[in-house]
Protein backbone atom coordinates (compact mmCIF):
# COMPACT_ATOMS: atom_id res chain seq x y z
CA MET A 1 79.91 86.56 21.36
CA LYS A 2 81.67 89.71 22.57
CA GLN A 3 80.85 88.81 26.16
CA ILE A 4 82.49 85.40 25.73
CA LEU A 5 85.56 87.08 24.23
CA TYR A 6 85.80 89.55 27.09
CA LEU A 7 85.50 86.71 29.59
CA PHE A 8 88.26 84.77 27.84
CA VAL A 9 90.59 87.81 27.89
CA ALA A 10 89.86 88.44 31.56
CA VAL A 11 90.64 84.84 32.50
CA PHE A 12 93.84 84.97 30.44
CA LEU A 13 95.04 88.18 32.10
CA LEU A 14 94.18 86.82 35.53
CA SER A 15 96.23 83.71 34.85
CA LEU A 16 99.20 85.88 33.87
CA VAL A 17 98.93 87.93 37.08
CA SER A 18 98.63 84.86 39.28
CA SER A 19 101.66 83.26 37.68
CA VAL A 20 103.95 86.15 38.67
CA SER A 21 105.70 85.51 41.97
CA PRO A 22 105.24 88.23 44.64
CA PHE A 23 108.21 90.42 45.46
CA ILE A 24 109.59 89.23 48.81
CA VAL A 25 112.79 90.45 50.40
CA SER A 26 114.47 87.49 52.03
CA THR A 27 117.88 86.03 52.43
CA SER A 28 119.13 82.56 53.16
CA GLU A 29 122.63 83.67 54.04
CA GLY A 30 124.20 85.69 56.84
CA TYR A 31 123.36 85.82 60.51
CA GLY A 32 119.96 86.28 62.07
CA ILE A 33 120.23 88.44 65.20
CA GLU A 34 117.48 87.71 67.72
CA PRO A 35 117.40 90.12 70.66
CA VAL A 36 115.17 89.55 73.66
CA LEU A 37 112.26 91.95 73.11
CA ILE A 38 111.39 94.43 75.84
CA ASP A 39 108.76 97.14 76.11
CA TYR A 40 109.68 99.07 79.25
CA ILE A 41 112.69 99.59 81.51
CA LYS A 42 112.69 101.37 84.86
CA GLU A 43 114.65 104.60 84.87
CA TYR A 44 118.19 104.51 86.30
CA SER A 45 118.11 100.70 86.38
CA THR A 46 121.05 98.73 85.01
CA TYR A 47 119.78 96.38 82.31
CA LYS A 48 121.19 93.27 80.61
CA PHE A 49 120.44 92.96 76.90
CA HIS A 50 120.66 89.48 75.39
CA ILE A 51 120.85 88.36 71.78
CA HIS A 52 121.06 85.01 70.00
CA ILE A 53 122.87 84.59 66.67
CA ILE A 54 121.47 82.13 64.14
CA ASN A 55 123.05 80.99 60.88
CA GLN A 56 120.37 81.78 58.32
CA SER A 57 121.43 78.99 55.95
CA ASN A 58 121.02 76.10 58.40
CA GLY A 59 119.39 77.53 61.54
CA MET A 60 122.32 76.60 63.77
CA PRO A 61 123.22 78.90 66.69
CA ILE A 62 126.52 80.75 66.50
CA THR A 63 128.45 80.64 69.78
CA SER A 64 131.97 81.58 68.69
CA GLY A 65 134.00 83.24 65.96
CA VAL A 66 131.97 86.44 65.82
CA SER A 67 132.24 89.97 67.16
CA CYS A 68 128.98 91.63 68.25
CA TYR A 69 128.30 95.28 68.89
CA MET A 70 125.49 97.14 70.60
CA HIS A 71 124.70 100.84 70.06
CA LEU A 72 122.17 102.66 72.22
CA TYR A 73 120.41 105.88 71.16
CA ASN A 74 117.88 108.07 72.93
CA SER A 75 114.87 109.87 71.45
CA THR A 76 116.96 112.89 70.44
CA GLY A 77 119.42 110.74 68.47
CA ASN A 78 122.29 110.94 70.95
CA HIS A 79 124.66 107.98 70.79
CA LEU A 80 124.82 106.92 74.43
CA VAL A 81 126.54 103.53 74.52
CA LYS A 82 128.76 101.39 72.31
CA LEU A 83 129.55 97.89 73.61
CA GLU A 84 131.36 94.91 72.12
CA LYS A 85 131.02 91.21 72.90
CA SER A 86 132.72 88.22 71.32
CA THR A 87 132.00 85.46 73.87
CA ILE A 88 128.77 83.97 75.10
CA SER A 89 127.64 84.36 78.71
CA ASP A 90 125.12 81.51 78.92
CA MET A 91 124.74 78.80 76.26
CA PHE A 92 123.61 80.94 73.30
CA ASP A 93 123.41 84.38 74.96
CA TYR A 94 125.61 87.28 74.02
CA GLU A 95 125.08 89.73 76.88
CA PHE A 96 125.45 93.51 76.97
CA ILE A 97 125.22 95.26 80.34
CA VAL A 98 124.14 98.91 80.18
CA ASP A 99 124.55 101.11 83.25
CA GLY A 100 121.35 102.57 84.67
CA ASN A 101 122.64 106.14 84.44
CA ASN A 102 122.02 105.94 80.69
CA PHE A 103 118.29 105.45 81.19
CA THR A 104 116.13 108.48 81.89
CA LEU A 105 112.48 108.91 80.93
CA GLY A 106 111.91 108.60 77.19
CA THR A 107 112.10 106.35 74.13
CA TYR A 108 115.29 104.45 73.21
CA GLN A 109 116.60 102.36 70.35
CA ALA A 110 119.19 99.61 70.60
CA LYS A 111 120.96 98.36 67.46
CA PHE A 112 122.89 95.07 67.33
CA GLN A 113 125.46 94.06 64.70
CA CYS A 114 127.41 90.78 64.58
CA ASN A 115 130.14 89.87 62.08
CA SER A 116 132.57 87.11 61.33
CA SER A 117 135.23 87.09 58.63
CA LEU A 118 132.62 85.95 56.09
CA LEU A 119 129.09 86.68 57.31
CA GLY A 120 127.17 89.25 59.31
CA GLY A 121 123.75 90.39 60.42
CA SER A 122 121.97 93.12 62.33
CA SER A 123 118.81 93.82 64.30
CA GLU A 124 117.28 96.56 66.42
CA ILE A 125 114.67 97.07 69.12
CA GLU A 126 112.82 100.09 70.49
CA PHE A 127 111.62 100.48 74.09
CA LYS A 128 110.55 103.08 76.63
CA VAL A 129 112.01 104.05 79.98
CA THR A 130 109.38 104.87 82.62
CA SER A 131 109.45 105.68 86.31
CA THR A 132 108.21 102.19 87.24
CA GLY A 133 109.36 99.99 84.37
CA LYS A 134 105.73 99.53 83.31
CA GLU A 135 103.39 101.25 80.91
CA GLU A 136 102.36 104.73 82.02
CA PRO A 137 98.62 104.99 82.78
CA SER A 138 96.27 107.01 80.63
CA GLU A 139 95.11 110.47 81.73
CA LEU A 140 91.51 109.22 82.10
CA LEU A 141 92.59 106.43 84.43
CA LEU A 142 94.74 108.86 86.39
CA LEU A 143 91.75 111.19 86.80
CA PHE A 144 89.57 108.30 87.96
CA PHE A 145 91.94 107.35 90.79
CA ILE A 146 92.44 110.98 91.84
CA ILE A 147 88.66 111.48 92.16
CA SER A 148 88.35 108.13 93.98
CA PHE A 149 90.98 109.11 96.55
CA ILE A 150 89.37 112.53 97.08
CA LEU A 151 86.03 110.85 97.84
CA LEU A 152 87.66 108.26 100.09
CA ILE A 153 89.52 110.98 102.01
CA GLY A 154 86.23 112.82 102.60
CA LEU A 155 84.48 109.66 103.80
CA THR A 156 87.43 108.76 106.03
CA CYS A 157 87.34 112.19 107.71
CA TYR A 158 83.58 111.90 108.24
CA LEU A 159 83.82 108.43 109.77
CA ALA A 160 86.74 109.50 111.97
CA LEU A 161 84.62 112.33 113.42
CA TYR A 162 81.66 109.95 113.72
CA THR A 163 83.78 107.47 115.66
CA LEU A 164 85.15 110.16 117.94
CA GLY A 165 81.66 111.44 118.72
CA HIS A 166 80.35 108.02 119.65
CA LEU A 167 83.50 107.26 121.63
CA LEU A 168 82.89 110.35 123.77
CA ALA A 169 79.25 109.27 124.18
CA LEU A 170 80.43 105.73 125.05
CA ASP A 171 77.89 104.20 122.66
CA PHE A 172 80.11 103.01 119.81
CA ASP A 173 78.62 99.62 118.95
CA LEU A 174 79.30 96.66 116.68
CA THR A 175 77.40 98.22 113.76
CA ASP A 176 79.61 101.31 113.89
CA LEU A 177 82.69 99.10 114.00
CA SER A 178 81.50 97.17 110.92
CA ILE A 179 80.98 100.41 108.97
CA ASP A 180 84.48 101.69 109.75
CA TRP A 181 86.14 98.38 108.94
CA GLY A 182 84.13 98.03 105.74
CA MET A 183 85.35 101.44 104.58
CA PHE A 184 88.92 100.51 105.42
CA PHE A 185 88.77 97.35 103.32
CA ILE A 186 87.30 99.34 100.42
CA ILE A 187 90.31 101.68 100.64
CA LEU A 188 92.61 98.66 100.79
CA LEU A 189 91.01 97.24 97.64
CA VAL A 190 91.35 100.55 95.77
CA TYR A 191 94.99 100.76 96.88
CA TYR A 192 95.67 97.24 95.56
CA PHE A 193 94.18 98.01 92.14
CA GLU A 194 96.06 101.31 92.03
CA LEU A 195 99.35 99.44 92.48
CA GLN A 196 98.45 96.91 89.80
CA ILE A 197 97.07 99.33 87.21
CA MET A 198 98.60 102.76 87.75
CA SER A 199 102.25 102.07 88.57
CA ASN A 200 102.79 105.78 89.17
CA SER A 201 105.46 106.43 91.80
CA LEU A 202 103.91 109.70 93.04
CA ILE A 203 100.41 108.27 93.39
CA ASP A 204 101.82 105.05 94.88
CA ALA A 205 103.56 107.05 97.62
CA PHE A 206 100.44 109.10 98.39
CA ALA A 207 98.19 106.02 98.35
CA GLY A 208 100.53 104.21 100.75
CA TRP A 209 100.49 107.16 103.14
CA PHE A 210 96.69 107.42 102.94
CA LEU A 211 96.29 103.68 103.56
CA SER A 212 98.39 103.96 106.74
CA LEU A 213 96.30 106.91 107.94
CA ALA A 214 93.04 105.14 107.10
CA GLY A 215 94.25 102.02 108.93
CA PHE A 216 94.78 104.07 112.08
CA LEU A 217 91.50 106.05 111.84
CA LEU A 218 89.21 103.30 110.55
CA PHE A 219 90.72 100.13 111.98
CA VAL A 220 92.71 100.83 115.14
CA ILE A 221 90.71 103.71 116.67
CA PRO A 222 87.31 102.02 116.08
CA ILE A 223 88.33 98.81 117.85
CA ILE A 224 89.58 100.90 120.78
CA ALA A 225 86.34 102.89 120.77
CA PHE A 226 84.29 99.68 120.70
CA ILE A 227 86.19 98.12 123.62
CA ILE A 228 85.97 101.30 125.72
CA SER A 229 82.26 101.76 124.97
CA LEU A 230 81.57 98.11 125.77
CA ALA A 231 83.56 98.19 129.00
CA MET A 232 82.15 101.52 130.20
CA GLY A 233 78.65 100.45 129.23
CA ASN A 234 78.91 97.27 131.29
CA LEU A 235 80.40 99.23 134.19
CA SER A 236 77.54 101.72 134.08
CA LYS A 237 74.99 98.91 134.11
CA LYS A 238 76.78 97.31 137.07
CA ASN A 239 76.83 100.59 139.03
CA TRP A 240 73.14 101.17 138.32
CA LYS A 241 72.25 97.77 139.64
CA GLN A 242 74.34 98.33 142.77
CA GLN A 243 72.73 101.72 143.41
CA ALA A 244 69.15 100.51 142.80
CA PRO A 245 67.06 100.20 146.07
CA ARG A 246 66.67 96.68 147.39
CA ARG A 247 63.27 95.09 147.79
CA PHE A 248 62.36 93.48 151.15
CA LYS A 249 59.33 91.79 152.63
CA ILE A 250 57.20 92.93 155.58
CA GLY A 251 54.28 90.76 156.53
CA GLY A 252 54.53 88.75 153.35
CA ARG A 253 54.49 91.83 151.10
CA ALA A 254 57.45 93.17 149.18
CA ASN A 255 58.32 96.75 150.02
CA VAL A 256 60.98 99.16 148.98
């Protein structure tokens, strides 16, 4: 009997809890400010911020009769920019142009406020300024590419000396050429992935320089070595044949 009573009380209390509406902060009046979201901006690059203004009561875009403001702050709280816009630049866009000198490496916050004589609204976004305008790579990934380039530099130096040795011996063949070219295309592939993944200006510059050097040592020099070795090898064979003693016949027998 007590168990049935407890069950009844529990069901009753649960029904009371479920009947209470959850506390939700919402508004059906004012303006909804919808900025174009961004994650990264390249340092010292002029950037155009765009916002749309929506009437919260009916969802209609607001294209006139309002004054909009943009405030830009850096990670230390310094107020860098204050801009005002009251006319659209393209259909629904209110545009704010911020000079690139305001963007150095770090985290920024942009706040937008739009008002008319009766209604208003606000919004804000946060973004980072990087050297490339993309996400900075992790330290582990950076270490991976540094080790990869060190190994590739060592292999490139070895193959360059190998090519030079066989060029001097005039026996650089097609197999040697394939090895050098294969290494060059591996370096080219690593360079491509470095550009796509790393986006680090310092490493990009070094990788570009190394690719040019590798192209000369592993692509240009080997083809020259192969042509010279092939030509000199054929010439040597021709000279040997010309210098070989001729065979002649005496009394039906071949003699030298």
